[in-house]
Amino acid sequence: LLHLWEWRRQRPETAFNDLTTVLWAIAAAGGAPRAERLDAVAEALAARLDECADQELCNAAWAFAVFDHVPRSELFGAHFGARCEALSARFSRSGLCQLHQWRIWAAERALYEGMPSPR
């Protein structure tokens, strides 16, 4: 799985869905990627945040919380919060659960900027 993730990460044309699905799968399987790989993926995702769909956003947020990794990039900055707001009507129940888990993690890490406001 890690080899597939590395292959996907190196391809700039890779769809956002591919990146977030592999990231989610590694987290769900209990994988522990190196910090520099997570930072590289976070940077790529931050640059393409406007392309993401609701579940892709949830998968990425949840995976970083599971990895307990605060990315060096601005992945979870104000743009992330704005994207969450823009997609808020589309989130599934499981997606909202993922975002809730991410939000708890982000609060524990004092990552308040960009967190969607509760409704």
Foldseek 3Di string as FASTA:
>chain_A
DVVLQVVLLPDLVRALQSNLVVLLVCLVVVHADDLVSLLSSLVSCQVVVVRDALQSLLSNLLSCLSNLHDHPDCSQAQVLLVSCVVRVVPADPVSVVSLVSSVVSCVVVVVPHNRHDDD
